PDB file of N, CA and C in Angstrom:
ATOM      1  N   UNK A   1     -16.566 -19.991  -5.022  1.00  0.00           N
ATOM      2  CA  UNK A   1     -15.442 -19.248  -5.540  1.00  0.00           C
ATOM      3  C   UNK A   1     -15.924 -18.256  -6.596  1.00  0.00           C
ATOM      4  N   UNK A   2     -15.309 -17.088  -6.590  1.00  0.00           N
ATOM      5  CA  UNK A   2     -15.618 -16.071  -7.589  1.00  0.00           C
ATOM      6  C   UNK A   2     -14.489 -15.996  -8.597  1.00  0.00           C
ATOM      7  N   UNK A   3     -14.847 -15.820  -9.858  1.00  0.00           N
ATOM      8  CA  UNK A   3     -13.873 -15.703 -10.932  1.00  0.00           C
ATOM      9  C   UNK A   3     -14.073 -14.372 -11.641  1.00  0.00           C
ATOM     10  N   UNK A   4     -13.015 -13.894 -12.256  1.00  0.00           N
ATOM     11  CA  UNK A   4     -13.093 -12.696 -13.075  1.00  0.00           C
ATOM     12  C   UNK A   4     -13.349 -13.122 -14.511  1.00  0.00           C
ATOM     13  N   UNK A   5     -14.529 -13.568 -14.798  1.00  0.00           N
ATOM     14  CA  UNK A   5     -14.841 -14.048 -16.151  1.00  0.00           C
ATOM     15  C   UNK A   5     -14.804 -12.897 -17.148  1.00  0.00           C
ATOM     16  N   UNK A   6     -14.055 -13.147 -18.217  1.00  0.00           N
ATOM     17  CA  UNK A   6     -13.972 -12.218 -19.341  1.00  0.00           C
ATOM     18  C   UNK A   6     -13.492 -10.821 -18.962  1.00  0.00           C
ATOM     19  N   UNK A   7     -12.818 -10.659 -17.829  1.00  0.00           N
ATOM     20  CA  UNK A   7     -12.356  -9.328 -17.469  1.00  0.00           C
ATOM     21  C   UNK A   7     -10.856  -9.167 -17.630  1.00  0.00           C
ATOM     22  N   UNK A   8     -10.109 -10.256 -17.733  1.00  0.00           N
ATOM     23  CA  UNK A   8      -8.674 -10.174 -17.931  1.00  0.00           C
ATOM     24  C   UNK A   8      -8.262 -11.313 -18.863  1.00  0.00           C
ATOM     25  N   UNK A   9      -7.594 -10.959 -19.917  1.00  0.00           N
ATOM     26  CA  UNK A   9      -7.225 -11.972 -20.904  1.00  0.00           C
ATOM     27  C   UNK A   9      -5.849 -12.556 -20.603  1.00  0.00           C
ATOM     28  N   UNK A  10      -5.565 -13.654 -21.243  1.00  0.00           N
ATOM     29  CA  UNK A  10      -4.249 -14.262 -21.124  1.00  0.00           C
ATOM     30  C   UNK A  10      -3.159 -13.324 -21.605  1.00  0.00           C
ATOM     31  N   UNK A  11      -3.456 -12.573 -22.667  1.00  0.00           N
ATOM     32  CA  UNK A  11      -2.489 -11.598 -23.175  1.00  0.00           C
ATOM     33  C   UNK A  11      -2.209 -10.515 -22.140  1.00  0.00           C
ATOM     34  N   UNK A  12      -3.264 -10.093 -21.435  1.00  0.00           N
ATOM     35  CA  UNK A  12      -3.090  -9.090 -20.384  1.00  0.00           C
ATOM     36  C   UNK A  12      -2.204  -9.625 -19.267  1.00  0.00           C
ATOM     37  N   UNK A  13      -2.465 -10.848 -18.848  1.00  0.00           N
ATOM     38  CA  UNK A  13      -1.660 -11.448 -17.782  1.00  0.00           C
ATOM     39  C   UNK A  13      -0.206 -11.614 -18.215  1.00  0.00           C
ATOM     40  N   UNK A  14       0.001 -12.047 -19.441  1.00  0.00           N
ATOM     41  CA  UNK A  14       1.360 -12.207 -19.972  1.00  0.00           C
ATOM     42  C   UNK A  14       2.083 -10.860 -19.992  1.00  0.00           C
ATOM     43  N   UNK A  15       1.383  -9.816 -20.448  1.00  0.00           N
ATOM     44  CA  UNK A  15       1.984  -8.483 -20.510  1.00  0.00           C
ATOM     45  C   UNK A  15       2.374  -7.992 -19.118  1.00  0.00           C
ATOM     46  N   UNK A  16       1.522  -8.233 -18.128  1.00  0.00           N
ATOM     47  CA  UNK A  16       1.843  -7.827 -16.759  1.00  0.00           C
ATOM     48  C   UNK A  16       3.061  -8.574 -16.236  1.00  0.00           C
ATOM     49  N   UNK A  17       3.122  -9.869 -16.509  1.00  0.00           N
ATOM     50  CA  UNK A  17       4.264 -10.673 -16.053  1.00  0.00           C
ATOM     51  C   UNK A  17       5.548 -10.189 -16.717  1.00  0.00           C
ATOM     52  N   UNK A  18       5.473  -9.910 -18.004  1.00  0.00           N
ATOM     53  CA  UNK A  18       6.664  -9.448 -18.724  1.00  0.00           C
ATOM     54  C   UNK A  18       7.095  -8.068 -18.257  1.00  0.00           C
ATOM     55  N   UNK A  19       6.127  -7.206 -17.947  1.00  0.00           N
ATOM     56  CA  UNK A  19       6.475  -5.887 -17.393  1.00  0.00           C
ATOM     57  C   UNK A  19       7.211  -6.038 -16.065  1.00  0.00           C
ATOM     58  N   UNK A  20       6.839  -7.051 -15.310  1.00  0.00           N
ATOM     59  CA  UNK A  20       7.510  -7.341 -14.037  1.00  0.00           C
ATOM     60  C   UNK A  20       8.891  -7.940 -14.296  1.00  0.00           C
ATOM     61  N   UNK A  21       9.079  -8.515 -15.486  1.00  0.00           N
ATOM     62  CA  UNK A  21      10.372  -9.076 -15.863  1.00  0.00           C
ATOM     63  C   UNK A  21      10.678 -10.420 -15.231  1.00  0.00           C
ATOM     64  N   UNK A  22       9.633 -11.237 -15.053  1.00  0.00           N
ATOM     65  CA  UNK A  22       9.829 -12.542 -14.417  1.00  0.00           C
ATOM     66  C   UNK A  22       9.337 -13.668 -15.321  1.00  0.00           C
ATOM     67  N   UNK A  23       9.872 -14.846 -15.068  1.00  0.00           N
ATOM     68  CA  UNK A  23       9.449 -16.039 -15.803  1.00  0.00           C
ATOM     69  C   UNK A  23       8.086 -16.498 -15.292  1.00  0.00           C
ATOM     70  N   UNK A  24       7.465 -17.377 -16.061  1.00  0.00           N
ATOM     71  CA  UNK A  24       6.195 -17.958 -15.618  1.00  0.00           C
ATOM     72  C   UNK A  24       6.396 -18.715 -14.309  1.00  0.00           C
ATOM     73  N   UNK A  25       7.511 -19.446 -14.187  1.00  0.00           N
ATOM     74  CA  UNK A  25       7.769 -20.229 -12.978  1.00  0.00           C
ATOM     75  C   UNK A  25       7.904 -19.330 -11.755  1.00  0.00           C
ATOM     76  N   UNK A  26       8.636 -18.219 -11.892  1.00  0.00           N
ATOM     77  CA  UNK A  26       8.810 -17.319 -10.749  1.00  0.00           C
ATOM     78  C   UNK A  26       7.473 -16.698 -10.347  1.00  0.00           C
ATOM     79  N   UNK A  27       6.694 -16.292 -11.321  1.00  0.00           N
ATOM     80  CA  UNK A  27       5.372 -15.722 -11.019  1.00  0.00           C
ATOM     81  C   UNK A  27       4.518 -16.759 -10.306  1.00  0.00           C
ATOM     82  N   UNK A  28       4.527 -17.984 -10.813  1.00  0.00           N
ATOM     83  CA  UNK A  28       3.745 -19.061 -10.198  1.00  0.00           C
ATOM     84  C   UNK A  28       4.164 -19.268  -8.749  1.00  0.00           C
ATOM     85  N   UNK A  29       5.471 -19.334  -8.509  1.00  0.00           N
ATOM     86  CA  UNK A  29       5.981 -19.531  -7.150  1.00  0.00           C
ATOM     87  C   UNK A  29       5.560 -18.395  -6.229  1.00  0.00           C
ATOM     88  N   UNK A  30       5.644 -17.176  -6.718  1.00  0.00           N
ATOM     89  CA  UNK A  30       5.350 -16.006  -5.887  1.00  0.00           C
ATOM     90  C   UNK A  30       3.870 -15.872  -5.541  1.00  0.00           C
ATOM     91  N   UNK A  31       2.985 -16.309  -6.441  1.00  0.00           N
ATOM     92  CA  UNK A  31       1.551 -16.149  -6.140  1.00  0.00           C
ATOM     93  C   UNK A  31       0.902 -17.442  -5.667  1.00  0.00           C
ATOM     94  N   UNK A  32       1.698 -18.504  -5.580  1.00  0.00           N
ATOM     95  CA  UNK A  32       1.195 -19.745  -4.991  1.00  0.00           C
ATOM     96  C   UNK A  32       0.371 -20.633  -5.902  1.00  0.00           C
ATOM     97  N   UNK A  33       0.714 -20.644  -7.189  1.00  0.00           N
ATOM     98  CA  UNK A  33       0.040 -21.542  -8.129  1.00  0.00           C
ATOM     99  C   UNK A  33       1.104 -22.330  -8.888  1.00  0.00           C
ATOM    100  N   UNK A  34       0.671 -23.289  -9.673  1.00  0.00           N
ATOM    101  CA  UNK A  34       1.622 -24.092 -10.446  1.00  0.00           C
ATOM    102  C   UNK A  34       2.001 -23.378 -11.748  1.00  0.00           C
ATOM    103  N   UNK A  35       3.122 -23.803 -12.304  1.00  0.00           N
ATOM    104  CA  UNK A  35       3.541 -23.298 -13.613  1.00  0.00           C
ATOM    105  C   UNK A  35       2.444 -23.561 -14.639  1.00  0.00           C
ATOM    106  N   UNK A  36       1.854 -24.726 -14.573  1.00  0.00           N
ATOM    107  CA  UNK A  36       0.788 -25.106 -15.504  1.00  0.00           C
ATOM    108  C   UNK A  36      -0.390 -24.130 -15.421  1.00  0.00           C
ATOM    109  N   UNK A  37      -0.702 -23.671 -14.212  1.00  0.00           N
ATOM    110  CA  UNK A  37      -1.794 -22.711 -14.038  1.00  0.00           C
ATOM    111  C   UNK A  37      -1.482 -21.412 -14.769  1.00  0.00           C
ATOM    112  N   UNK A  38      -0.261 -20.908 -14.602  1.00  0.00           N
ATOM    113  CA  UNK A  38       0.142 -19.678 -15.297  1.00  0.00           C
ATOM    114  C   UNK A  38       0.077 -19.891 -16.811  1.00  0.00           C
ATOM    115  N   UNK A  39       0.599 -21.021 -17.273  1.00  0.00           N
ATOM    116  CA  UNK A  39       0.548 -21.333 -18.710  1.00  0.00           C
ATOM    117  C   UNK A  39      -0.893 -21.342 -19.209  1.00  0.00           C
ATOM    118  N   UNK A  40      -1.770 -21.969 -18.437  1.00  0.00           N
ATOM    119  CA  UNK A  40      -3.184 -22.034 -18.827  1.00  0.00           C
ATOM    120  C   UNK A  40      -3.801 -20.648 -18.900  1.00  0.00           C
ATOM    121  N   UNK A  41      -3.577 -19.836 -17.880  1.00  0.00           N
ATOM    122  CA  UNK A  41      -4.136 -18.487 -17.886  1.00  0.00           C
ATOM    123  C   UNK A  41      -3.657 -17.706 -19.097  1.00  0.00           C
ATOM    124  N   UNK A  42      -2.352 -17.785 -19.362  1.00  0.00           N
ATOM    125  CA  UNK A  42      -1.786 -16.991 -20.451  1.00  0.00           C
ATOM    126  C   UNK A  42      -2.235 -17.471 -21.829  1.00  0.00           C
ATOM    127  N   UNK A  43      -2.659 -18.711 -21.928  1.00  0.00           N
ATOM    128  CA  UNK A  43      -3.153 -19.217 -23.212  1.00  0.00           C
ATOM    129  C   UNK A  43      -4.678 -19.217 -23.278  1.00  0.00           C
ATOM    130  N   UNK A  44      -5.315 -18.615 -22.279  1.00  0.00           N
ATOM    131  CA  UNK A  44      -6.762 -18.477 -22.298  1.00  0.00           C
ATOM    132  C   UNK A  44      -7.538 -19.671 -21.788  1.00  0.00           C
ATOM    133  N   UNK A  45      -6.841 -20.608 -21.145  1.00  0.00           N
ATOM    134  CA  UNK A  45      -7.507 -21.772 -20.556  1.00  0.00           C
ATOM    135  C   UNK A  45      -7.732 -21.446 -19.081  1.00  0.00           C
ATOM    136  N   UNK A  46      -8.892 -20.939 -18.778  1.00  0.00           N
ATOM    137  CA  UNK A  46      -9.206 -20.559 -17.406  1.00  0.00           C
ATOM    138  C   UNK A  46      -8.718 -19.161 -17.078  1.00  0.00           C
ATOM    139  N   UNK A  47      -9.155 -18.693 -15.930  1.00  0.00           N
ATOM    140  CA  UNK A  47      -8.781 -17.371 -15.439  1.00  0.00           C
ATOM    141  C   UNK A  47      -8.575 -17.449 -13.938  1.00  0.00           C
ATOM    142  N   UNK A  48      -7.836 -16.493 -13.389  1.00  0.00           N
ATOM    143  CA  UNK A  48      -7.596 -16.524 -11.948  1.00  0.00           C
ATOM    144  C   UNK A  48      -8.872 -16.280 -11.144  1.00  0.00           C
ATOM    145  N   UNK A  49      -8.930 -16.963 -10.001  1.00  0.00           N
ATOM    146  CA  UNK A  49      -9.999 -16.686  -9.038  1.00  0.00           C
ATOM    147  C   UNK A  49      -9.701 -15.329  -8.399  1.00  0.00           C
ATOM    148  N   UNK A  50     -10.644 -14.796  -7.665  1.00  0.00           N
ATOM    149  CA  UNK A  50     -10.472 -13.505  -7.006  1.00  0.00           C
ATOM    150  C   UNK A  50      -9.237 -13.518  -6.107  1.00  0.00           C
ATOM    151  N   UNK A  51      -9.063 -14.565  -5.293  1.00  0.00           N
ATOM    152  CA  UNK A  51      -7.909 -14.605  -4.392  1.00  0.00           C
ATOM    153  C   UNK A  51      -6.598 -14.656  -5.172  1.00  0.00           C
ATOM    154  N   UNK A  52      -6.583 -15.346  -6.295  1.00  0.00           N
ATOM    155  CA  UNK A  52      -5.379 -15.406  -7.124  1.00  0.00           C
ATOM    156  C   UNK A  52      -5.138 -14.061  -7.804  1.00  0.00           C
ATOM    157  N   UNK A  53      -6.202 -13.430  -8.238  1.00  0.00           N
ATOM    158  CA  UNK A  53      -6.111 -12.110  -8.849  1.00  0.00           C
ATOM    159  C   UNK A  53      -5.509 -11.114  -7.858  1.00  0.00           C
ATOM    160  N   UNK A  54      -5.944 -11.203  -6.606  1.00  0.00           N
ATOM    161  CA  UNK A  54      -5.389 -10.326  -5.573  1.00  0.00           C
ATOM    162  C   UNK A  54      -3.907 -10.607  -5.347  1.00  0.00           C
ATOM    163  N   UNK A  55      -3.502 -11.873  -5.394  1.00  0.00           N
ATOM    164  CA  UNK A  55      -2.082 -12.218  -5.250  1.00  0.00           C
ATOM    165  C   UNK A  55      -1.262 -11.630  -6.402  1.00  0.00           C
ATOM    166  N   UNK A  56      -1.820 -11.635  -7.587  1.00  0.00           N
ATOM    167  CA  UNK A  56      -1.142 -11.012  -8.731  1.00  0.00           C
ATOM    168  C   UNK A  56      -0.950  -9.522  -8.460  1.00  0.00           C
ATOM    169  N   UNK A  57      -1.994  -8.870  -7.971  1.00  0.00           N
ATOM    170  CA  UNK A  57      -1.912  -7.441  -7.646  1.00  0.00           C
ATOM    171  C   UNK A  57      -0.835  -7.175  -6.601  1.00  0.00           C
ATOM    172  N   UNK A  58      -0.823  -7.981  -5.556  1.00  0.00           N
ATOM    173  CA  UNK A  58       0.167  -7.812  -4.488  1.00  0.00           C
ATOM    174  C   UNK A  58       1.570  -8.010  -5.041  1.00  0.00           C
ATOM    175  N   UNK A  59       1.770  -9.078  -5.790  1.00  0.00           N
ATOM    176  CA  UNK A  59       3.098  -9.376  -6.334  1.00  0.00           C
ATOM    177  C   UNK A  59       3.575  -8.283  -7.287  1.00  0.00           C
ATOM    178  N   UNK A  60       2.671  -7.733  -8.071  1.00  0.00           N
ATOM    179  CA  UNK A  60       3.041  -6.682  -9.026  1.00  0.00           C
ATOM    180  C   UNK A  60       3.052  -5.295  -8.383  1.00  0.00           C
ATOM    181  N   UNK A  61       2.775  -5.241  -7.078  1.00  0.00           N
ATOM    182  CA  UNK A  61       2.780  -3.990  -6.303  1.00  0.00           C
ATOM    183  C   UNK A  61       1.830  -2.937  -6.867  1.00  0.00           C
ATOM    184  N   UNK A  62       0.656  -3.390  -7.262  1.00  0.00           N
ATOM    185  CA  UNK A  62      -0.353  -2.464  -7.751  1.00  0.00           C
ATOM    186  C   UNK A  62      -1.707  -2.838  -7.160  1.00  0.00           C
ATOM    187  N   UNK A  63      -2.565  -1.831  -7.028  1.00  0.00           N
ATOM    188  CA  UNK A  63      -3.904  -2.132  -6.534  1.00  0.00           C
ATOM    189  C   UNK A  63      -4.777  -2.580  -7.707  1.00  0.00           C
ATOM    190  N   UNK A  64      -5.939  -3.074  -7.402  1.00  0.00           N
ATOM    191  CA  UNK A  64      -6.813  -3.591  -8.457  1.00  0.00           C
ATOM    192  C   UNK A  64      -7.152  -2.497  -9.459  1.00  0.00           C
ATOM    193  N   UNK A  65      -7.431  -1.308  -8.974  1.00  0.00           N
ATOM    194  CA  UNK A  65      -7.730  -0.201  -9.883  1.00  0.00           C
ATOM    195  C   UNK A  65      -6.534   0.044 -10.807  1.00  0.00           C
ATOM    196  N   UNK A  66      -5.331   0.007 -10.236  1.00  0.00           N
ATOM    197  CA  UNK A  66      -4.120   0.180 -11.037  1.00  0.00           C
ATOM    198  C   UNK A  66      -3.940  -0.933 -12.045  1.00  0.00           C
ATOM    199  N   UNK A  67      -4.236  -2.161 -11.621  1.00  0.00           N
ATOM    200  CA  UNK A  67      -4.115  -3.303 -12.520  1.00  0.00           C
ATOM    201  C   UNK A  67      -5.096  -3.178 -13.680  1.00  0.00           C
ATOM    202  N   UNK A  68      -6.322  -2.828 -13.386  1.00  0.00           N
ATOM    203  CA  UNK A  68      -7.315  -2.691 -14.447  1.00  0.00           C
ATOM    204  C   UNK A  68      -6.921  -1.566 -15.410  1.00  0.00           C
ATOM    205  N   UNK A  69      -6.317  -0.486 -14.873  1.00  0.00           N
ATOM    206  CA  UNK A  69      -5.832   0.600 -15.732  1.00  0.00           C
ATOM    207  C   UNK A  69      -4.724   0.086 -16.650  1.00  0.00           C
ATOM    208  N   UNK A  70      -3.785  -0.705 -16.095  1.00  0.00           N
ATOM    209  CA  UNK A  70      -2.704  -1.262 -16.907  1.00  0.00           C
ATOM    210  C   UNK A  70      -3.250  -2.198 -17.979  1.00  0.00           C
ATOM    211  N   UNK A  71      -4.273  -2.950 -17.636  1.00  0.00           N
ATOM    212  CA  UNK A  71      -4.888  -3.855 -18.616  1.00  0.00           C
ATOM    213  C   UNK A  71      -5.456  -3.046 -19.778  1.00  0.00           C
ATOM    214  N   UNK A  72      -6.145  -1.956 -19.456  1.00  0.00           N
ATOM    215  CA  UNK A  72      -6.701  -1.112 -20.518  1.00  0.00           C
ATOM    216  C   UNK A  72      -5.587  -0.523 -21.385  1.00  0.00           C
ATOM    217  N   UNK A  73      -4.456  -0.125 -20.748  1.00  0.00           N
ATOM    218  CA  UNK A  73      -3.316   0.397 -21.510  1.00  0.00           C
ATOM    219  C   UNK A  73      -2.753  -0.673 -22.442  1.00  0.00           C
ATOM    220  N   UNK A  74      -2.590  -1.891 -21.925  1.00  0.00           N
ATOM    221  CA  UNK A  74      -2.077  -2.999 -22.743  1.00  0.00           C
ATOM    222  C   UNK A  74      -3.007  -3.259 -23.919  1.00  0.00           C
ATOM    223  N   UNK A  75      -4.313  -3.244 -23.654  1.00  0.00           N
ATOM    224  CA  UNK A  75      -5.285  -3.468 -24.723  1.00  0.00           C
ATOM    225  C   UNK A  75      -5.172  -2.378 -25.787  1.00  0.00           C
ATOM    226  N   UNK A  76      -5.007  -1.122 -25.346  1.00  0.00           N
ATOM    227  CA  UNK A  76      -4.882  -0.015 -26.291  1.00  0.00           C
ATOM    228  C   UNK A  76      -3.614  -0.163 -27.127  1.00  0.00           C
ATOM    229  N   UNK A  77      -2.498  -0.564 -26.486  1.00  0.00           N
ATOM    230  CA  UNK A  77      -1.245  -0.780 -27.213  1.00  0.00           C
ATOM    231  C   UNK A  77      -1.412  -1.896 -28.243  1.00  0.00           C
ATOM    232  N   UNK A  78      -2.065  -2.977 -27.851  1.00  0.00           N
ATOM    233  CA  UNK A  78      -2.273  -4.100 -28.768  1.00  0.00           C
ATOM    234  C   UNK A  78      -3.172  -3.690 -29.928  1.00  0.00           C
ATOM    235  N   UNK A  79      -4.210  -2.909 -29.639  1.00  0.00           N
ATOM    236  CA  UNK A  79      -5.101  -2.441 -30.706  1.00  0.00           C
ATOM    237  C   UNK A  79      -4.342  -1.555 -31.689  1.00  0.00           C
ATOM    238  N   UNK A  80      -3.488  -0.665 -31.168  1.00  0.00           N
ATOM    239  CA  UNK A  80      -2.688   0.205 -32.027  1.00  0.00           C
ATOM    240  C   UNK A  80      -1.760  -0.622 -32.899  1.00  0.00           C
ATOM    241  N   UNK A  81      -1.119  -1.619 -32.290  1.00  0.00           N
ATOM    242  CA  UNK A  81      -0.208  -2.489 -33.040  1.00  0.00           C
ATOM    243  C   UNK A  81      -0.964  -3.243 -34.129  1.00  0.00           C
ATOM    244  N   UNK A  82      -2.134  -3.768 -33.787  1.00  0.00           N
ATOM    245  CA  UNK A  82      -2.945  -4.494 -34.775  1.00  0.00           C
ATOM    246  C   UNK A  82      -3.366  -3.572 -35.920  1.00  0.00           C
ATOM    247  N   UNK A  83      -3.782  -2.346 -35.566  1.00  0.00           N
ATOM    248  CA  UNK A  83      -4.208  -1.390 -36.590  1.00  0.00           C
ATOM    249  C   UNK A  83      -3.048  -1.013 -37.502  1.00  0.00           C
ATOM    250  N   UNK A  84      -1.860  -0.798 -36.914  1.00  0.00           N
ATOM    251  CA  UNK A  84      -0.678  -0.468 -37.708  1.00  0.00           C
ATOM    252  C   UNK A  84      -0.321  -1.616 -38.639  1.00  0.00           C
ATOM    253  N   UNK A  85      -0.412  -2.828 -38.118  1.00  0.00           N
ATOM    254  CA  UNK A  85      -0.095  -4.017 -38.906  1.00  0.00           C
ATOM    255  C   UNK A  85      -1.080  -4.152 -40.070  1.00  0.00           C
ATOM    256  N   UNK A  86      -2.361  -3.921 -39.782  1.00  0.00           N
ATOM    257  CA  UNK A  86      -3.397  -4.013 -40.811  1.00  0.00           C
ATOM    258  C   UNK A  86      -3.185  -2.942 -41.877  1.00  0.00           C
ATOM    259  N   UNK A  87      -2.884  -1.717 -41.443  1.00  0.00           N
ATOM    260  CA  UNK A  87      -2.690  -0.606 -42.379  1.00  0.00           C
ATOM    261  C   UNK A  87      -1.493  -0.852 -43.288  1.00  0.00           C
ATOM    262  N   UNK A  88      -0.454  -1.496 -42.772  1.00  0.00           N
ATOM    263  CA  UNK A  88       0.743  -1.743 -43.581  1.00  0.00           C
ATOM    264  C   UNK A  88       0.510  -2.823 -44.637  1.00  0.00           C
ATOM    265  N   UNK A  89      -0.530  -3.628 -44.475  1.00  0.00           N
ATOM    266  CA  UNK A  89      -0.843  -4.681 -45.446  1.00  0.00           C
ATOM    267  C   UNK A  89      -1.587  -4.134 -46.660  1.00  0.00           C
ATOM    268  N   UNK A  90      -2.140  -2.941 -46.537  1.00  0.00           N
ATOM    269  CA  UNK A  90      -2.934  -2.367 -47.640  1.00  0.00           C
ATOM    270  C   UNK A  90      -2.044  -1.877 -48.749  1.00  0.00           C
TER     271      UNK A  90
END
């Protein structure tokens, strides 16, 4: 089995699920994994295998290139938010 080690974070997966507007249970049902698996991924305990990653792409109606682009956008938004939060503490 192949895994996407260190290429997609739990925060990224959570952001994608929330953009889709679905619960963890619905996402789990749609991609064929347990609720516990989604919870684990989103909290950084494990990562999806390649086949599961592809199911996420299919369910979110985006290709892998599109998904990776969205992940980078989410990361940039989070970095901006963190920087703004840090700057406001000064």
